[in-house]
Amino acid sequence: MMNTGEKIDYMIQCLKVAKAEYEYSVDYLANEPDGPEEYESWWAYLRRHRQPNKSLIRDNLRNVARMGFQVANEVK
């Protein structure tokens, strides 16, 4: 069982993961090759970069929301 401080630390770590993945996805989209005619550059780009994980962002934000309600109810 986590105490209130540990729950807050958990929420902070979840937010850090969500933010890092969001920043990666913005960078990924900004640097991807233009148009389908650049077939070779697409393959080279996909070999060097992983796909952004949107569910990682959503799940971490949901964890923060759930834990936030619990902590809010615990604080007196």
PDB file of N, CA and C in Angstrom:
ATOM      1  N   MET A   1       0.841  -1.181   0.000  1.00  0.00           N
ATOM      2  CA  MET A   1       0.000   0.000   0.000  1.00  0.00           C
ATOM      3  C   MET A   1       0.887   1.245   0.000  1.00  0.00           C
ATOM      4  N   MET A   2       0.598   2.159  -0.890  1.00  0.00           N
ATOM      5  CA  MET A   2       1.391   3.383  -0.992  1.00  0.00           C
ATOM      6  C   MET A   2       0.806   4.454  -0.075  1.00  0.00           C
ATOM      7  N   ASN A   3       1.718   5.257   0.496  1.00  0.00           N
ATOM      8  CA  ASN A   3       1.228   6.403   1.253  1.00  0.00           C
ATOM      9  C   ASN A   3       1.000   7.572   0.302  1.00  0.00           C
ATOM     10  N   THR A   4       0.511   8.672   0.815  1.00  0.00           N
ATOM     11  CA  THR A   4       0.145   9.817  -0.035  1.00  0.00           C
ATOM     12  C   THR A   4       1.347  10.362  -0.804  1.00  0.00           C
ATOM     13  N   GLY A   5       2.493  10.455  -0.163  1.00  0.00           N
ATOM     14  CA  GLY A   5       3.700  10.952  -0.837  1.00  0.00           C
ATOM     15  C   GLY A   5       4.120  10.071  -1.991  1.00  0.00           C
ATOM     16  N   GLU A   6       4.042   8.764  -1.794  1.00  0.00           N
ATOM     17  CA  GLU A   6       4.397   7.828  -2.863  1.00  0.00           C
ATOM     18  C   GLU A   6       3.413   7.915  -4.017  1.00  0.00           C
ATOM     19  N   LYS A   7       2.155   8.136  -3.721  1.00  0.00           N
ATOM     20  CA  LYS A   7       1.148   8.277  -4.775  1.00  0.00           C
ATOM     21  C   LYS A   7       1.405   9.533  -5.602  1.00  0.00           C
ATOM     22  N   ILE A   8       1.782  10.603  -4.944  1.00  0.00           N
ATOM     23  CA  ILE A   8       2.094  11.847  -5.658  1.00  0.00           C
ATOM     24  C   ILE A   8       3.329  11.639  -6.536  1.00  0.00           C
ATOM     25  N   ASP A   9       4.350  10.955  -6.006  1.00  0.00           N
ATOM     26  CA  ASP A   9       5.548  10.655  -6.799  1.00  0.00           C
ATOM     27  C   ASP A   9       5.199   9.801  -8.015  1.00  0.00           C
ATOM     28  N   TYR A  10       4.305   8.832  -7.830  1.00  0.00           N
ATOM     29  CA  TYR A  10       3.856   7.986  -8.936  1.00  0.00           C
ATOM     30  C   TYR A  10       3.181   8.828 -10.019  1.00  0.00           C
ATOM     31  N   MET A  11       2.325   9.762  -9.608  1.00  0.00           N
ATOM     32  CA  MET A  11       1.645  10.620 -10.584  1.00  0.00           C
ATOM     33  C   MET A  11       2.645  11.480 -11.337  1.00  0.00           C
ATOM     34  N   ILE A  12       3.660  11.975 -10.639  1.00  0.00           N
ATOM     35  CA  ILE A  12       4.689  12.796 -11.290  1.00  0.00           C
ATOM     36  C   ILE A  12       5.434  11.976 -12.334  1.00  0.00           C
ATOM     37  N   GLN A  13       5.797  10.738 -11.994  1.00  0.00           N
ATOM     38  CA  GLN A  13       6.506   9.875 -12.948  1.00  0.00           C
ATOM     39  C   GLN A  13       5.632   9.548 -14.156  1.00  0.00           C
ATOM     40  N   CYS A  14       4.345   9.316 -13.922  1.00  0.00           N
ATOM     41  CA  CYS A  14       3.430   9.055 -15.043  1.00  0.00           C
ATOM     42  C   CYS A  14       3.352  10.270 -15.970  1.00  0.00           C
ATOM     43  N   LEU A  15       3.305  11.454 -15.394  1.00  0.00           N
ATOM     44  CA  LEU A  15       3.266  12.665 -16.216  1.00  0.00           C
ATOM     45  C   LEU A  15       4.554  12.854 -16.995  1.00  0.00           C
ATOM     46  N   LYS A  16       5.686  12.514 -16.405  1.00  0.00           N
ATOM     47  CA  LYS A  16       6.968  12.620 -17.114  1.00  0.00           C
ATOM     48  C   LYS A  16       7.010  11.674 -18.313  1.00  0.00           C
ATOM     49  N   VAL A  17       6.514  10.449 -18.120  1.00  0.00           N
ATOM     50  CA  VAL A  17       6.485   9.481 -19.222  1.00  0.00           C
ATOM     51  C   VAL A  17       5.565   9.975 -20.333  1.00  0.00           C
ATOM     52  N   ALA A  18       4.380  10.463 -19.961  1.00  0.00           N
ATOM     53  CA  ALA A  18       3.423  10.958 -20.955  1.00  0.00           C
ATOM     54  C   ALA A  18       4.001  12.148 -21.722  1.00  0.00           C
ATOM     55  N   LYS A  19       4.661  13.045 -21.006  1.00  0.00           N
ATOM     56  CA  LYS A  19       5.231  14.228 -21.663  1.00  0.00           C
ATOM     57  C   LYS A  19       6.368  13.844 -22.610  1.00  0.00           C
ATOM     58  N   ALA A  20       7.228  12.934 -22.176  1.00  0.00           N
ATOM     59  CA  ALA A  20       8.352  12.505 -23.025  1.00  0.00           C
ATOM     60  C   ALA A  20       7.838  11.840 -24.302  1.00  0.00           C
ATOM     61  N   GLU A  21       6.824  11.007 -24.181  1.00  0.00           N
ATOM     62  CA  GLU A  21       6.285  10.336 -25.365  1.00  0.00           C
ATOM     63  C   GLU A  21       5.584  11.337 -26.283  1.00  0.00           C
ATOM     64  N   TYR A  22       4.891  12.311 -25.708  1.00  0.00           N
ATOM     65  CA  TYR A  22       4.246  13.351 -26.519  1.00  0.00           C
ATOM     66  C   TYR A  22       5.301  14.158 -27.284  1.00  0.00           C
ATOM     67  N   GLU A  23       6.367  14.561 -26.602  1.00  0.00           N
ATOM     68  CA  GLU A  23       7.422  15.329 -27.265  1.00  0.00           C
ATOM     69  C   GLU A  23       8.080  14.509 -28.374  1.00  0.00           C
ATOM     70  N   TYR A  24       8.245  13.202 -28.140  1.00  0.00           N
ATOM     71  CA  TYR A  24       8.803  12.340 -29.177  1.00  0.00           C
ATOM     72  C   TYR A  24       7.873  12.298 -30.390  1.00  0.00           C
ATOM     73  N   SER A  25       6.564  12.199 -30.147  1.00  0.00           N
ATOM     74  CA  SER A  25       5.627  12.113 -31.270  1.00  0.00           C
ATOM     75  C   SER A  25       5.611  13.410 -32.079  1.00  0.00           C
ATOM     76  N   VAL A  26       5.740  14.544 -31.416  1.00  0.00           N
ATOM     77  CA  VAL A  26       5.797  15.824 -32.133  1.00  0.00           C
ATOM     78  C   VAL A  26       7.056  15.877 -32.993  1.00  0.00           C
ATOM     79  N   ASP A  27       8.177  15.461 -32.435  1.00  0.00           N
ATOM     80  CA  ASP A  27       9.437  15.448 -33.182  1.00  0.00           C
ATOM     81  C   ASP A  27       9.375  14.450 -34.337  1.00  0.00           C
ATOM     82  N   TYR A  28       8.773  13.298 -34.089  1.00  0.00           N
ATOM     83  CA  TYR A  28       8.631  12.262 -35.116  1.00  0.00           C
ATOM     84  C   TYR A  28       7.848  12.788 -36.314  1.00  0.00           C
ATOM     85  N   LEU A  29       6.722  13.433 -36.041  1.00  0.00           N
ATOM     86  CA  LEU A  29       5.888  13.952 -37.121  1.00  0.00           C
ATOM     87  C   LEU A  29       6.549  15.127 -37.847  1.00  0.00           C
ATOM     88  N   ALA A  30       7.308  15.934 -37.124  1.00  0.00           N
ATOM     89  CA  ALA A  30       7.957  17.079 -37.743  1.00  0.00           C
ATOM     90  C   ALA A  30       9.087  16.660 -38.684  1.00  0.00           C
ATOM     91  N   ASN A  31       9.710  15.515 -38.424  1.00  0.00           N
ATOM     92  CA  ASN A  31      10.881  15.107 -39.199  1.00  0.00           C
ATOM     93  C   ASN A  31      10.621  13.999 -40.206  1.00  0.00           C
ATOM     94  N   GLU A  32       9.388  13.516 -40.304  1.00  0.00           N
ATOM     95  CA  GLU A  32       9.139  12.436 -41.256  1.00  0.00           C
ATOM     96  C   GLU A  32       9.237  12.956 -42.697  1.00  0.00           C
ATOM     97  N   PRO A  33       9.648  12.102 -43.628  1.00  0.00           N
ATOM     98  CA  PRO A  33       9.812  12.520 -45.031  1.00  0.00           C
ATOM     99  C   PRO A  33       8.489  12.974 -45.651  1.00  0.00           C
ATOM    100  N   ASP A  34       8.593  13.825 -46.651  1.00  0.00           N
ATOM    101  CA  ASP A  34       7.410  14.343 -47.336  1.00  0.00           C
ATOM    102  C   ASP A  34       7.038  13.443 -48.506  1.00  0.00           C
ATOM    103  N   GLY A  35       5.774  13.105 -48.585  1.00  0.00           N
ATOM    104  CA  GLY A  35       5.218  12.427 -49.751  1.00  0.00           C
ATOM    105  C   GLY A  35       5.618  10.980 -49.920  1.00  0.00           C
ATOM    106  N   PRO A  36       4.785  10.220 -50.606  1.00  0.00           N
ATOM    107  CA  PRO A  36       5.063   8.798 -50.837  1.00  0.00           C
ATOM    108  C   PRO A  36       6.131   8.543 -51.898  1.00  0.00           C
ATOM    109  N   GLU A  37       6.485   9.558 -52.669  1.00  0.00           N
ATOM    110  CA  GLU A  37       7.473   9.345 -53.731  1.00  0.00           C
ATOM    111  C   GLU A  37       8.887   9.153 -53.169  1.00  0.00           C
ATOM    112  N   GLU A  38       9.104   9.505 -51.928  1.00  0.00           N
ATOM    113  CA  GLU A  38      10.422   9.344 -51.313  1.00  0.00           C
ATOM    114  C   GLU A  38      10.493   7.994 -50.595  1.00  0.00           C
ATOM    115  N   TYR A  39      10.321   6.921 -51.338  1.00  0.00           N
ATOM    116  CA  TYR A  39      10.212   5.571 -50.796  1.00  0.00           C
ATOM    117  C   TYR A  39      11.436   5.177 -49.977  1.00  0.00           C
ATOM    118  N   GLU A  40      12.620   5.395 -50.514  1.00  0.00           N
ATOM    119  CA  GLU A  40      13.854   5.011 -49.814  1.00  0.00           C
ATOM    120  C   GLU A  40      14.047   5.807 -48.534  1.00  0.00           C
ATOM    121  N   SER A  41      13.726   7.088 -48.563  1.00  0.00           N
ATOM    122  CA  SER A  41      13.900   7.889 -47.348  1.00  0.00           C
ATOM    123  C   SER A  41      12.899   7.484 -46.269  1.00  0.00           C
ATOM    124  N   TRP A  42      11.701   7.025 -46.671  1.00  0.00           N
ATOM    125  CA  TRP A  42      10.731   6.527 -45.695  1.00  0.00           C
ATOM    126  C   TRP A  42      11.271   5.299 -44.986  1.00  0.00           C
ATOM    127  N   TRP A  43      11.802   4.346 -45.748  1.00  0.00           N
ATOM    128  CA  TRP A  43      12.325   3.137 -45.125  1.00  0.00           C
ATOM    129  C   TRP A  43      13.498   3.446 -44.212  1.00  0.00           C
ATOM    130  N   ALA A  44      14.368   4.326 -44.640  1.00  0.00           N
ATOM    131  CA  ALA A  44      15.507   4.705 -43.801  1.00  0.00           C
ATOM    132  C   ALA A  44      15.018   5.387 -42.521  1.00  0.00           C
ATOM    133  N   TYR A  45      14.022   6.226 -42.651  1.00  0.00           N
ATOM    134  CA  TYR A  45      13.466   6.917 -41.482  1.00  0.00           C
ATOM    135  C   TYR A  45      12.818   5.925 -40.514  1.00  0.00           C
ATOM    136  N   LEU A  46      12.045   4.984 -41.046  1.00  0.00           N
ATOM    137  CA  LEU A  46      11.360   4.010 -40.195  1.00  0.00           C
ATOM    138  C   LEU A  46      12.332   3.037 -39.530  1.00  0.00           C
ATOM    139  N   ARG A  47      13.457   2.763 -40.162  1.00  0.00           N
ATOM    140  CA  ARG A  47      14.468   1.907 -39.535  1.00  0.00           C
ATOM    141  C   ARG A  47      15.137   2.595 -38.356  1.00  0.00           C
ATOM    142  N   ARG A  48      15.273   3.910 -38.425  1.00  0.00           N
ATOM    143  CA  ARG A  48      15.968   4.658 -37.366  1.00  0.00           C
ATOM    144  C   ARG A  48      15.040   5.113 -36.244  1.00  0.00           C
ATOM    145  N   HIS A  49      13.738   5.166 -36.480  1.00  0.00           N
ATOM    146  CA  HIS A  49      12.802   5.702 -35.492  1.00  0.00           C
ATOM    147  C   HIS A  49      11.685   4.705 -35.200  1.00  0.00           C
ATOM    148  N   ARG A  50      11.284   4.645 -33.959  1.00  0.00           N
ATOM    149  CA  ARG A  50      10.135   3.815 -33.609  1.00  0.00           C
ATOM    150  C   ARG A  50       8.863   4.642 -33.756  1.00  0.00           C
ATOM    151  N   GLN A  51       7.739   3.976 -33.857  1.00  0.00           N
ATOM    152  CA  GLN A  51       6.451   4.667 -33.953  1.00  0.00           C
ATOM    153  C   GLN A  51       6.097   5.275 -32.593  1.00  0.00           C
ATOM    154  N   PRO A  52       5.545   6.473 -32.551  1.00  0.00           N
ATOM    155  CA  PRO A  52       5.076   7.030 -31.276  1.00  0.00           C
ATOM    156  C   PRO A  52       3.951   6.155 -30.697  1.00  0.00           C
ATOM    157  N   ASN A  53       3.919   6.048 -29.391  1.00  0.00           N
ATOM    158  CA  ASN A  53       2.948   5.200 -28.716  1.00  0.00           C
ATOM    159  C   ASN A  53       1.884   6.074 -28.041  1.00  0.00           C
ATOM    160  N   LYS A  54       0.783   6.309 -28.741  1.00  0.00           N
ATOM    161  CA  LYS A  54      -0.279   7.168 -28.213  1.00  0.00           C
ATOM    162  C   LYS A  54      -0.979   6.544 -27.016  1.00  0.00           C
ATOM    163  N   SER A  55      -1.072   5.221 -26.981  1.00  0.00           N
ATOM    164  CA  SER A  55      -1.734   4.582 -25.842  1.00  0.00           C
ATOM    165  C   SER A  55      -0.904   4.739 -24.574  1.00  0.00           C
ATOM    166  N   LEU A  56       0.401   4.849 -24.691  1.00  0.00           N
ATOM    167  CA  LEU A  56       1.255   5.107 -23.531  1.00  0.00           C
ATOM    168  C   LEU A  56       0.917   6.466 -22.921  1.00  0.00           C
ATOM    169  N   ILE A  57       0.680   7.451 -23.757  1.00  0.00           N
ATOM    170  CA  ILE A  57       0.305   8.787 -23.281  1.00  0.00           C
ATOM    171  C   ILE A  57      -1.054   8.724 -22.598  1.00  0.00           C
ATOM    172  N   ARG A  58      -2.039   8.131 -23.266  1.00  0.00           N
ATOM    173  CA  ARG A  58      -3.400   8.050 -22.709  1.00  0.00           C
ATOM    174  C   ARG A  58      -3.440   7.283 -21.392  1.00  0.00           C
ATOM    175  N   ASP A  59      -2.781   6.135 -21.356  1.00  0.00           N
ATOM    176  CA  ASP A  59      -2.818   5.308 -20.150  1.00  0.00           C
ATOM    177  C   ASP A  59      -2.160   5.995 -18.959  1.00  0.00           C
ATOM    178  N   ASN A  60      -1.062   6.673 -19.194  1.00  0.00           N
ATOM    179  CA  ASN A  60      -0.401   7.377 -18.094  1.00  0.00           C
ATOM    180  C   ASN A  60      -1.247   8.537 -17.594  1.00  0.00           C
ATOM    181  N   LEU A  61      -1.909   9.243 -18.498  1.00  0.00           N
ATOM    182  CA  LEU A  61      -2.782  10.334 -18.067  1.00  0.00           C
ATOM    183  C   LEU A  61      -3.993   9.799 -17.302  1.00  0.00           C
ATOM    184  N   ARG A  62      -4.514   8.652 -17.710  1.00  0.00           N
ATOM    185  CA  ARG A  62      -5.623   8.034 -16.963  1.00  0.00           C
ATOM    186  C   ARG A  62      -5.175   7.594 -15.573  1.00  0.00           C
ATOM    187  N   ASN A  63      -3.959   7.058 -15.469  1.00  0.00           N
ATOM    188  CA  ASN A  63      -3.426   6.672 -14.162  1.00  0.00           C
ATOM    189  C   ASN A  63      -3.316   7.878 -13.236  1.00  0.00           C
ATOM    190  N   VAL A  64      -2.871   8.989 -13.783  1.00  0.00           N
ATOM    191  CA  VAL A  64      -2.758  10.208 -12.982  1.00  0.00           C
ATOM    192  C   VAL A  64      -4.134  10.657 -12.507  1.00  0.00           C
ATOM    193  N   ALA A  65      -5.118  10.597 -13.389  1.00  0.00           N
ATOM    194  CA  ALA A  65      -6.472  11.023 -13.015  1.00  0.00           C
ATOM    195  C   ALA A  65      -7.041  10.131 -11.919  1.00  0.00           C
ATOM    196  N   ARG A  66      -6.891   8.818 -12.075  1.00  0.00           N
ATOM    197  CA  ARG A  66      -7.399   7.887 -11.056  1.00  0.00           C
ATOM    198  C   ARG A  66      -6.736   8.117  -9.713  1.00  0.00           C
ATOM    199  N   MET A  67      -5.411   8.201  -9.747  1.00  0.00           N
ATOM    200  CA  MET A  67      -4.659   8.385  -8.509  1.00  0.00           C
ATOM    201  C   MET A  67      -4.942   9.751  -7.905  1.00  0.00           C
ATOM    202  N   GLY A  68      -5.156  10.751  -8.744  1.00  0.00           N
ATOM    203  CA  GLY A  68      -5.457  12.093  -8.251  1.00  0.00           C
ATOM    204  C   GLY A  68      -6.746  12.127  -7.445  1.00  0.00           C
ATOM    205  N   PHE A  69      -7.764  11.422  -7.910  1.00  0.00           N
ATOM    206  CA  PHE A  69      -9.022  11.355  -7.158  1.00  0.00           C
ATOM    207  C   PHE A  69      -8.821  10.668  -5.818  1.00  0.00           C
ATOM    208  N   GLN A  70      -8.034   9.593  -5.809  1.00  0.00           N
ATOM    209  CA  GLN A  70      -7.777   8.880  -4.551  1.00  0.00           C
ATOM    210  C   GLN A  70      -7.052   9.773  -3.563  1.00  0.00           C
ATOM    211  N   VAL A  71      -5.999  10.455  -4.028  1.00  0.00           N
ATOM    212  CA  VAL A  71      -5.222  11.317  -3.137  1.00  0.00           C
ATOM    213  C   VAL A  71      -6.072  12.487  -2.643  1.00  0.00           C
ATOM    214  N   ALA A  72      -6.876  13.049  -3.528  1.00  0.00           N
ATOM    215  CA  ALA A  72      -7.734  14.175  -3.131  1.00  0.00           C
ATOM    216  C   ALA A  72      -8.697  13.760  -2.020  1.00  0.00           C
ATOM    217  N   ASN A  73      -9.205  12.540  -2.077  1.00  0.00           N
ATOM    218  CA  ASN A  73     -10.119  12.065  -1.040  1.00  0.00           C
ATOM    219  C   ASN A  73      -9.387  11.709   0.263  1.00  0.00           C
ATOM    220  N   GLU A  74      -8.102  11.368   0.175  1.00  0.00           N
ATOM    221  CA  GLU A  74      -7.318  11.026   1.364  1.00  0.00           C
ATOM    222  C   GLU A  74      -6.874  12.252   2.149  1.00  0.00           C
ATOM    223  N   VAL A  75      -6.657  13.359   1.465  1.00  0.00           N
ATOM    224  CA  VAL A  75      -6.150  14.574   2.118  1.00  0.00           C
ATOM    225  C   VAL A  75      -7.251  15.157   2.993  1.00  0.00           C
ATOM    226  N   LYS A  76      -6.881  15.476   4.219  1.00  0.00           N
ATOM    227  CA  LYS A  76      -7.868  16.025   5.156  1.00  0.00           C
ATOM    228  C   LYS A  76      -7.539  17.432   5.557  1.00  0.00           C
TER     229      LYS A  76
END
